[in-house]
Amino acid sequence: MDFSPTDEHRAIDESVRRIMARFPDDYWLACDREARFPHEFRTAMAEGGWLGIAMPSEHGGSGLGVLDAAVMMHAVADSPGAMSAASAIHINIFGPHAITVFGTPDQCARWIPPLVAGREIACFGVTEPDAGLDTTRITTTARRAGDHYVVDGRKVWTSTAKVADKIMLLARTRPLGEGRPADGLSLFYTDLDRARIEVREIPKMGRAAVDSNALFIDGLEVPVTDRIGEEGQGFRYLLHSLNPERVLIAAEAVGIGRHALGRAAGYARERVVFGRPIGQNQSIQHPLARCWMELEAAWLATLRAGWAYDRGLPSGVEANTAKYLAGEAAYRACERALMTHGGMGYAREYHVERLWREVLIPRIAPVSPEMILCYIAERALGLPRSY
């Protein structure tokens, strides 16, 4: 097992960083202040062919693996764009996975090329306000009516819904209580019809450039041809996307943490107090060094998880471990970066306060650190399930 960068990974990293260099601090600060979606950045990534990195080549993608995509998303997040940049394209990387694995050739031909080319933006309608992480208990319903379904319900924390054209939607096609809860869920990929879906943005702490929303769905008609795979199997299809997403979130978290750490180290070298650079003081050095080591360990865990997934090996424990370690390490790195800047760390012009606000996302989502600890206790240690 060799995790030294391959020539291909170096090329991915260098190419993506050249794109990121075109979008400096001021661009992302403006997007954050104005709550403006970074369309220009997303277009640049589409023009570079990066939105389809893990999509099949026959539909315009690059046909590469999750590990390659992780290298790309790490480079995206290790920039002033941080989580805003990563979130603007994140769903393109893992979201269509269920389509490529379980969709028909016609569905792949209809849906994948517009995503790869950047002509369409998709959002993910899974989480619900009363279900949270207990996905099998969602209550949004899809009732069959001839050649279409009628969908009613609510979703929450649906990112990019304000700018999206399509929605990956999980809904219940069999009433809760009839059989196993997971068996009654179906997965759809369909138009986000704003006449039937009300999108309400959720004011939040950070990442204002990429919207998060509550959706209110009332009588949305979804053609049967927009259902992915068999009716009632949607939850199982969704599970195929979970490990890749955890790997990508981990890569993004490490990228944000490393970017924050780089800012902190640069400031510590230049900031002179009491006649000496503050970086000469061990009270500054030691926390930054600890953050560097934690991020390095999290990155190696991320590479291992992506490597295992791409080879068809069991990767649930590895992917969740990587996500946990990366989320925690990145949070501490961003916090330490802010503290290293002292009072100026609280000022927007130094950008580290924005990184600190945004790094909470990969720490919390798409699964909490506590739920990962429960998963590892059960799957890695053989302890009884606690929930």
Protein backbone atom coordinates (compact mmCIF):
# COMPACT_ATOMS: atom_id res chain seq x y z
CA MET A 1 0.00 0.00 0.00
CA ASP A 2 1.73 3.17 -1.22
CA PHE A 3 0.10 6.51 -0.45
CA SER A 4 2.79 8.72 -1.93
CA PRO A 5 1.22 10.99 -4.57
CA THR A 6 1.05 9.46 -8.02
CA ASP A 7 1.84 11.50 -11.11
CA GLU A 8 -1.87 11.59 -11.85
CA HIS A 9 -2.69 12.90 -8.38
CA ARG A 10 -0.01 15.56 -8.65
CA ALA A 11 -1.49 16.63 -11.98
CA ILE A 12 -5.00 16.79 -10.48
CA ASP A 13 -3.77 18.81 -7.51
CA GLU A 14 -1.77 21.27 -9.62
CA SER A 15 -4.54 21.78 -12.18
CA VAL A 16 -7.22 22.41 -9.58
CA ARG A 17 -4.99 24.77 -7.61
CA ARG A 18 -4.44 26.83 -10.76
CA ILE A 19 -8.20 27.29 -11.01
CA MET A 20 -8.48 28.13 -7.30
CA ALA A 21 -5.77 30.81 -7.69
CA ARG A 22 -8.16 32.70 -9.98
CA PHE A 23 -10.54 33.19 -7.04
CA PRO A 24 -8.68 35.01 -4.26
CA ASP A 25 -9.67 36.08 -0.75
CA ASP A 26 -11.70 39.08 -1.89
CA TYR A 27 -13.90 36.97 -4.16
CA TRP A 28 -14.89 34.57 -1.39
CA LEU A 29 -15.27 37.34 1.18
CA ALA A 30 -17.70 39.10 -1.17
CA CYS A 31 -19.65 35.89 -1.77
CA ASP A 32 -19.92 35.38 1.98
CA ARG A 33 -20.96 38.96 2.75
CA GLU A 34 -23.49 39.12 -0.08
CA ALA A 35 -24.75 35.54 0.35
CA ARG A 36 -24.01 35.09 -3.36
CA PHE A 37 -23.59 31.67 -4.94
CA PRO A 38 -20.12 31.35 -6.57
CA HIS A 39 -21.38 30.74 -10.11
CA GLU A 40 -18.13 31.95 -11.67
CA PHE A 41 -16.11 29.41 -9.72
CA ARG A 42 -18.50 26.58 -10.54
CA THR A 43 -18.36 27.48 -14.24
CA ALA A 44 -14.57 27.44 -14.15
CA MET A 45 -14.58 23.97 -12.61
CA ALA A 46 -17.06 22.75 -15.23
CA GLU A 47 -14.97 24.19 -18.06
CA GLY A 48 -11.96 22.40 -16.63
CA GLY A 49 -13.87 19.11 -16.76
CA TRP A 50 -13.74 18.59 -13.00
CA LEU A 51 -17.45 18.24 -12.24
CA GLY A 52 -17.45 14.80 -13.81
CA ILE A 53 -14.26 13.46 -12.29
CA ALA A 54 -15.97 10.36 -10.89
CA MET A 55 -18.65 10.04 -13.57
CA PRO A 56 -18.51 7.46 -16.41
CA SER A 57 -16.52 8.50 -19.46
CA GLU A 58 -19.33 7.44 -21.82
CA HIS A 59 -21.42 10.28 -20.37
CA GLY A 60 -18.72 12.94 -20.48
CA GLY A 61 -17.03 12.21 -17.17
CA SER A 62 -13.44 11.26 -16.44
CA GLY A 63 -14.26 7.82 -15.05
CA LEU A 64 -11.85 8.22 -12.13
CA GLY A 65 -12.25 6.92 -8.58
CA VAL A 66 -13.20 8.31 -5.20
CA LEU A 67 -9.54 8.64 -4.22
CA ASP A 68 -8.92 10.84 -7.27
CA ALA A 69 -11.99 12.91 -6.40
CA ALA A 70 -10.73 13.25 -2.82
CA VAL A 71 -7.43 14.66 -4.09
CA MET A 72 -9.41 17.16 -6.16
CA MET A 73 -11.72 18.23 -3.34
CA HIS A 74 -8.77 18.57 -0.96
CA ALA A 75 -7.21 21.06 -3.39
CA VAL A 76 -10.52 22.93 -3.70
CA ALA A 77 -10.90 23.28 0.07
CA ASP A 78 -7.22 24.10 0.70
CA SER A 79 -7.87 27.58 -0.66
CA PRO A 80 -9.65 30.80 0.30
CA GLY A 81 -12.84 29.16 -1.01
CA ALA A 82 -12.77 26.57 1.78
CA MET A 83 -16.18 24.98 2.42
CA SER A 84 -18.03 27.47 0.21
CA ALA A 85 -16.07 26.29 -2.80
CA ALA A 86 -16.36 22.62 -1.87
CA SER A 87 -20.10 22.82 -1.21
CA ALA A 88 -20.75 24.56 -4.52
CA ILE A 89 -19.71 21.40 -6.40
CA HIS A 90 -19.87 18.66 -3.73
CA ILE A 91 -23.14 17.08 -4.87
CA ASN A 92 -21.80 16.69 -8.41
CA ILE A 93 -19.04 14.44 -7.16
CA PHE A 94 -20.99 11.93 -5.06
CA GLY A 95 -24.67 12.69 -5.68
CA PRO A 96 -25.12 11.01 -9.09
CA HIS A 97 -23.52 7.80 -7.83
CA ALA A 98 -26.90 6.09 -7.40
CA ILE A 99 -27.82 7.06 -10.96
CA THR A 100 -24.68 5.55 -12.47
CA VAL A 101 -25.00 2.32 -10.46
CA PHE A 102 -28.77 1.74 -10.47
CA GLY A 103 -30.13 4.01 -13.21
CA THR A 104 -31.09 2.82 -16.68
CA PRO A 105 -28.92 3.70 -19.70
CA ASP A 106 -31.58 6.21 -20.74
CA GLN A 107 -31.54 7.87 -17.32
CA CYS A 108 -27.75 8.11 -17.31
CA ALA A 109 -27.79 9.61 -20.80
CA ARG A 110 -30.43 12.18 -19.78
CA TRP A 111 -29.11 13.19 -16.39
CA ILE A 112 -25.33 12.82 -16.22
CA PRO A 113 -24.07 14.94 -19.17
CA PRO A 114 -25.82 18.17 -18.03
CA LEU A 115 -24.30 17.79 -14.56
CA VAL A 116 -20.82 17.11 -15.92
CA ALA A 117 -21.05 20.11 -18.28
CA GLY A 118 -22.30 22.37 -15.51
CA ARG A 119 -25.56 23.15 -17.34
CA GLU A 120 -27.61 21.86 -14.41
CA ILE A 121 -27.24 22.02 -10.66
CA ALA A 122 -28.69 19.32 -8.42
CA CYS A 123 -29.63 19.28 -4.75
CA PHE A 124 -30.18 16.45 -2.28
CA GLY A 125 -33.61 16.08 -0.65
CA VAL A 126 -33.20 13.41 2.02
CA THR A 127 -33.06 14.84 5.56
CA GLU A 128 -36.34 15.75 7.27
CA PRO A 129 -36.97 17.93 10.33
CA ASP A 130 -38.59 15.16 12.39
CA ALA A 131 -36.31 12.30 11.32
CA GLY A 132 -32.78 13.71 11.29
CA LEU A 133 -30.24 10.92 10.92
CA ASP A 134 -32.95 8.26 11.31
CA THR A 135 -33.55 8.27 7.56
CA THR A 136 -35.79 5.19 7.55
CA ARG A 137 -38.37 7.21 9.53
CA ILE A 138 -38.92 9.94 6.96
CA THR A 139 -42.56 10.79 6.23
CA THR A 140 -42.46 12.48 2.82
CA THR A 141 -44.76 10.36 0.64
CA ALA A 142 -44.79 9.51 -3.06
CA ARG A 143 -48.19 8.14 -4.12
CA ARG A 144 -48.39 6.31 -7.48
CA ALA A 145 -50.99 7.78 -9.84
CA GLY A 146 -50.72 6.08 -13.21
CA ASP A 147 -47.56 7.12 -15.02
CA HIS A 148 -46.39 9.46 -12.25
CA TYR A 149 -46.09 9.86 -8.50
CA VAL A 150 -47.53 12.67 -6.38
CA VAL A 151 -45.09 13.75 -3.67
CA ASP A 152 -45.96 15.61 -0.47
CA GLY A 153 -43.75 16.37 2.50
CA ARG A 154 -40.87 18.38 3.91
CA LYS A 155 -37.10 18.33 3.65
CA VAL A 156 -34.50 20.31 5.55
CA TRP A 157 -30.84 21.27 5.11
CA THR A 158 -31.13 20.94 1.36
CA SER A 159 -28.07 22.79 0.08
CA THR A 160 -28.11 24.68 -3.26
CA ALA A 161 -31.91 24.34 -3.63
CA LYS A 162 -32.21 28.06 -4.39
CA VAL A 163 -30.10 27.66 -7.52
CA ALA A 164 -30.77 24.00 -8.37
CA ASP A 165 -32.54 22.65 -11.44
CA LYS A 166 -32.85 19.05 -10.23
CA ILE A 167 -33.41 17.25 -6.95
CA MET A 168 -32.38 13.79 -5.78
CA LEU A 169 -35.40 12.97 -3.65
CA LEU A 170 -36.04 10.18 -1.15
CA ALA A 171 -39.71 9.53 -0.42
CA ARG A 172 -41.91 6.87 1.12
CA THR A 173 -43.86 4.77 -1.39
CA ARG A 174 -45.23 2.44 1.26
CA PRO A 175 -46.77 3.64 4.55
CA LEU A 176 -44.57 3.58 7.61
CA GLY A 177 -45.56 0.56 9.69
CA GLU A 178 -46.07 -1.78 6.76
CA GLY A 179 -43.01 -4.01 6.76
CA ARG A 180 -39.49 -2.83 7.54
CA PRO A 181 -39.15 0.98 7.45
CA ALA A 182 -36.21 0.83 5.02
CA ASP A 183 -38.17 -1.27 2.52
CA GLY A 184 -40.77 1.39 1.76
CA LEU A 185 -38.48 4.16 0.47
CA SER A 186 -37.90 5.04 -3.17
CA LEU A 187 -35.33 7.30 -4.80
CA PHE A 188 -36.15 9.83 -7.51
CA TYR A 189 -34.17 12.29 -9.61
CA THR A 190 -36.47 14.89 -11.04
CA ASP A 191 -37.05 18.55 -11.88
CA LEU A 192 -37.18 20.94 -8.95
CA ASP A 193 -40.60 22.38 -9.80
CA ARG A 194 -40.84 25.63 -7.85
CA ALA A 195 -44.58 25.79 -8.42
CA ARG A 196 -44.85 22.68 -6.20
CA ILE A 197 -41.76 23.06 -4.01
CA GLU A 198 -41.41 26.08 -1.79
CA VAL A 199 -37.76 26.77 -0.97
CA ARG A 200 -37.09 28.71 2.24
CA GLU A 201 -33.49 29.56 2.97
CA ILE A 202 -32.23 28.82 6.48
CA PRO A 203 -30.20 31.69 7.97
CA LYS A 204 -27.07 30.08 9.34
CA MET A 205 -23.75 30.73 11.01
CA GLY A 206 -21.42 30.29 8.05
CA ARG A 207 -21.06 29.41 4.37
CA ALA A 208 -23.52 32.09 3.34
CA ALA A 209 -22.35 31.76 -0.26
CA VAL A 210 -24.01 28.36 -0.57
CA ASP A 211 -27.62 28.27 0.53
CA SER A 212 -29.18 25.71 2.87
CA ASN A 213 -32.94 25.38 2.80
CA ALA A 214 -36.16 23.93 4.10
CA LEU A 215 -38.37 22.50 1.35
CA PHE A 216 -42.15 22.31 1.47
CA ILE A 217 -43.41 19.89 -1.19
CA ASP A 218 -47.08 20.05 -2.13
CA GLY A 219 -48.41 17.85 -4.92
CA LEU A 220 -45.15 17.50 -6.86
CA GLU A 221 -45.73 15.27 -9.89
CA VAL A 222 -42.76 13.00 -10.60
CA PRO A 223 -42.81 10.79 -13.72
CA VAL A 224 -42.30 7.09 -13.09
CA THR A 225 -39.37 7.35 -15.50
CA ASP A 226 -37.66 9.60 -12.92
CA ARG A 227 -37.58 6.82 -10.33
CA ILE A 228 -34.15 5.26 -9.87
CA GLY A 229 -34.24 1.46 -9.79
CA GLU A 230 -37.02 -0.50 -8.14
CA GLU A 231 -39.77 0.95 -6.02
CA GLY A 232 -39.06 0.53 -2.32
CA GLN A 233 -35.30 0.06 -2.70
CA GLY A 234 -34.26 3.71 -2.50
CA PHE A 235 -32.69 3.53 0.94
CA ARG A 236 -30.37 0.73 -0.15
CA TYR A 237 -29.40 2.70 -3.25
CA LEU A 238 -28.66 5.69 -1.07
CA LEU A 239 -26.32 3.66 1.13
CA HIS A 240 -23.98 3.20 -1.85
CA SER A 241 -23.28 6.94 -1.74
CA LEU A 242 -22.55 7.20 1.97
CA ASN A 243 -18.96 5.98 2.08
CA PRO A 244 -17.83 8.05 -0.93
CA GLU A 245 -19.39 11.14 0.61
CA ARG A 246 -17.63 10.57 3.93
CA VAL A 247 -14.31 10.24 2.11
CA LEU A 248 -14.91 13.48 0.21
CA ILE A 249 -16.04 15.35 3.34
CA ALA A 250 -12.88 14.16 5.09
CA ALA A 251 -10.72 15.40 2.21
CA GLU A 252 -12.47 18.76 2.26
CA ALA A 253 -12.05 19.08 6.03
CA VAL A 254 -8.32 18.36 5.82
CA GLY A 255 -8.03 20.94 3.05
CA ILE A 256 -9.73 23.63 5.12
CA GLY A 257 -7.61 22.77 8.15
CA ARG A 258 -4.38 22.92 6.19
CA HIS A 259 -5.32 26.24 4.64
CA ALA A 260 -6.10 27.70 8.06
CA LEU A 261 -2.86 26.29 9.47
CA GLY A 262 -0.88 27.85 6.64
CA ARG A 263 -2.41 31.24 7.39
CA ALA A 264 -1.62 30.84 11.08
CA ALA A 265 2.00 29.86 10.49
CA GLY A 266 2.48 32.76 8.08
CA TYR A 267 1.06 35.22 10.58
CA ALA A 268 3.17 33.75 13.40
CA ARG A 269 6.34 34.25 11.36
CA GLU A 270 5.55 37.87 10.58
CA ARG A 271 3.80 39.19 13.68
CA VAL A 272 6.33 40.76 16.05
CA VAL A 273 5.43 41.38 19.70
CA PHE A 274 7.90 42.21 22.48
CA GLY A 275 10.64 42.39 19.89
CA ARG A 276 10.29 38.86 18.49
CA PRO A 277 8.02 36.93 16.11
CA ILE A 278 5.22 35.28 18.04
CA GLY A 279 6.04 32.05 16.19
CA GLN A 280 9.25 31.88 18.21
CA ASN A 281 7.20 31.23 21.32
CA GLN A 282 6.48 27.60 22.16
CA SER A 283 2.97 28.52 23.28
CA ILE A 284 2.32 29.32 19.61
CA GLN A 285 4.55 26.63 18.08
CA HIS A 286 3.30 23.61 19.97
CA PRO A 287 -0.45 23.93 19.24
CA LEU A 288 0.26 24.56 15.56
CA ALA A 289 2.62 21.58 15.38
CA ARG A 290 -0.01 19.40 17.04
CA CYS A 291 -2.59 20.53 14.49
CA TRP A 292 -0.21 19.71 11.65
CA MET A 293 0.27 16.16 12.91
CA GLU A 294 -3.46 15.62 13.45
CA LEU A 295 -4.24 16.80 9.92
CA GLU A 296 -1.50 14.57 8.51
CA ALA A 297 -2.96 11.53 10.28
CA ALA A 298 -6.48 12.41 9.10
CA TRP A 299 -5.25 12.74 5.51
CA LEU A 300 -3.62 9.31 5.61
CA ALA A 301 -6.87 7.85 6.96
CA THR A 302 -8.74 9.56 4.11
CA LEU A 303 -6.38 8.14 1.49
CA ARG A 304 -6.75 4.67 2.96
CA ALA A 305 -10.55 4.89 2.92
CA GLY A 306 -10.64 6.09 -0.70
CA TRP A 307 -8.14 3.41 -1.71
CA ALA A 308 -10.26 0.69 -0.11
CA TYR A 309 -13.51 1.92 -1.66
CA ASP A 310 -12.05 2.11 -5.16
CA ARG A 311 -10.86 -1.48 -4.87
CA GLY A 312 -14.23 -2.79 -3.77
CA LEU A 313 -12.98 -3.58 -0.28
CA PRO A 314 -15.03 -3.01 2.88
CA SER A 315 -14.70 0.70 3.61
CA GLY A 316 -17.44 1.68 6.07
CA VAL A 317 -15.19 1.71 9.13
CA GLU A 318 -12.39 3.39 7.16
CA ALA A 319 -14.62 6.09 5.65
CA ASN A 320 -16.26 6.94 8.94
CA THR A 321 -12.91 6.98 10.72
CA ALA A 322 -11.51 9.37 8.13
CA LYS A 323 -14.52 11.67 8.38
CA TYR A 324 -14.33 11.76 12.18
CA LEU A 325 -10.58 12.36 12.39
CA ALA A 326 -10.63 14.97 9.65
CA GLY A 327 -13.59 16.87 11.07
CA GLU A 328 -12.07 17.05 14.53
CA ALA A 329 -8.54 17.89 13.32
CA ALA A 330 -9.77 20.57 10.94
CA TYR A 331 -11.90 22.20 13.62
CA ARG A 332 -8.95 22.41 16.01
CA ALA A 333 -6.71 23.78 13.25
CA CYS A 334 -9.17 26.53 12.36
CA GLU A 335 -9.75 27.40 16.00
CA ARG A 336 -6.00 27.57 16.59
CA ALA A 337 -5.54 29.70 13.48
CA LEU A 338 -8.06 32.20 14.83
CA MET A 339 -6.42 32.21 18.26
CA THR A 340 -2.95 32.64 16.74
CA HIS A 341 -4.14 35.84 15.09
CA GLY A 342 -5.33 37.13 18.46
CA GLY A 343 -7.84 39.96 18.21
CA MET A 344 -7.31 40.24 14.47
CA GLY A 345 -8.52 36.67 14.11
CA TYR A 346 -11.96 38.02 14.93
CA ALA A 347 -11.75 40.48 12.02
CA ARG A 348 -13.16 39.47 8.66
CA GLU A 349 -10.24 40.91 6.73
CA TYR A 350 -7.95 38.14 8.01
CA HIS A 351 -10.40 35.44 6.83
CA VAL A 352 -9.69 32.90 9.58
CA GLU A 353 -12.99 33.65 11.33
CA ARG A 354 -14.77 32.62 8.12
CA LEU A 355 -12.77 29.39 7.97
CA TRP A 356 -13.68 28.66 11.59
CA ARG A 357 -17.37 29.19 10.86
CA GLU A 358 -17.27 26.99 7.78
CA VAL A 359 -15.25 24.13 9.26
CA LEU A 360 -18.12 23.31 11.59
CA ILE A 361 -19.99 21.88 8.60
CA PRO A 362 -17.73 18.86 7.94
CA ARG A 363 -17.56 18.32 11.69
CA ILE A 364 -21.35 18.08 12.01
CA ALA A 365 -22.48 16.85 8.59
CA PRO A 366 -23.49 14.57 7.01
CA VAL A 367 -23.28 12.56 10.24
CA SER A 368 -22.40 13.75 13.73
CA PRO A 369 -19.13 12.72 15.40
CA GLU A 370 -21.13 11.01 18.14
CA MET A 371 -22.96 8.80 15.64
CA ILE A 372 -19.62 7.84 14.10
CA LEU A 373 -18.30 6.84 17.53
CA CYS A 374 -21.36 4.62 17.96
CA TYR A 375 -20.75 3.09 14.52
CA ILE A 376 -17.08 2.40 15.22
CA ALA A 377 -17.88 0.92 18.63
CA GLU A 378 -20.32 -1.50 16.99
CA ARG A 379 -18.50 -2.32 13.73
CA ALA A 380 -14.86 -2.20 14.79
CA LEU A 381 -15.10 -3.28 18.43
CA GLY A 382 -18.10 -5.60 18.31
CA LEU A 383 -20.01 -3.73 21.03
CA PRO A 384 -23.83 -3.83 21.23
CA ARG A 385 -25.71 -1.27 19.17
CA SER A 386 -26.61 1.71 21.32
CA TYR A 387 -29.38 3.26 19.23
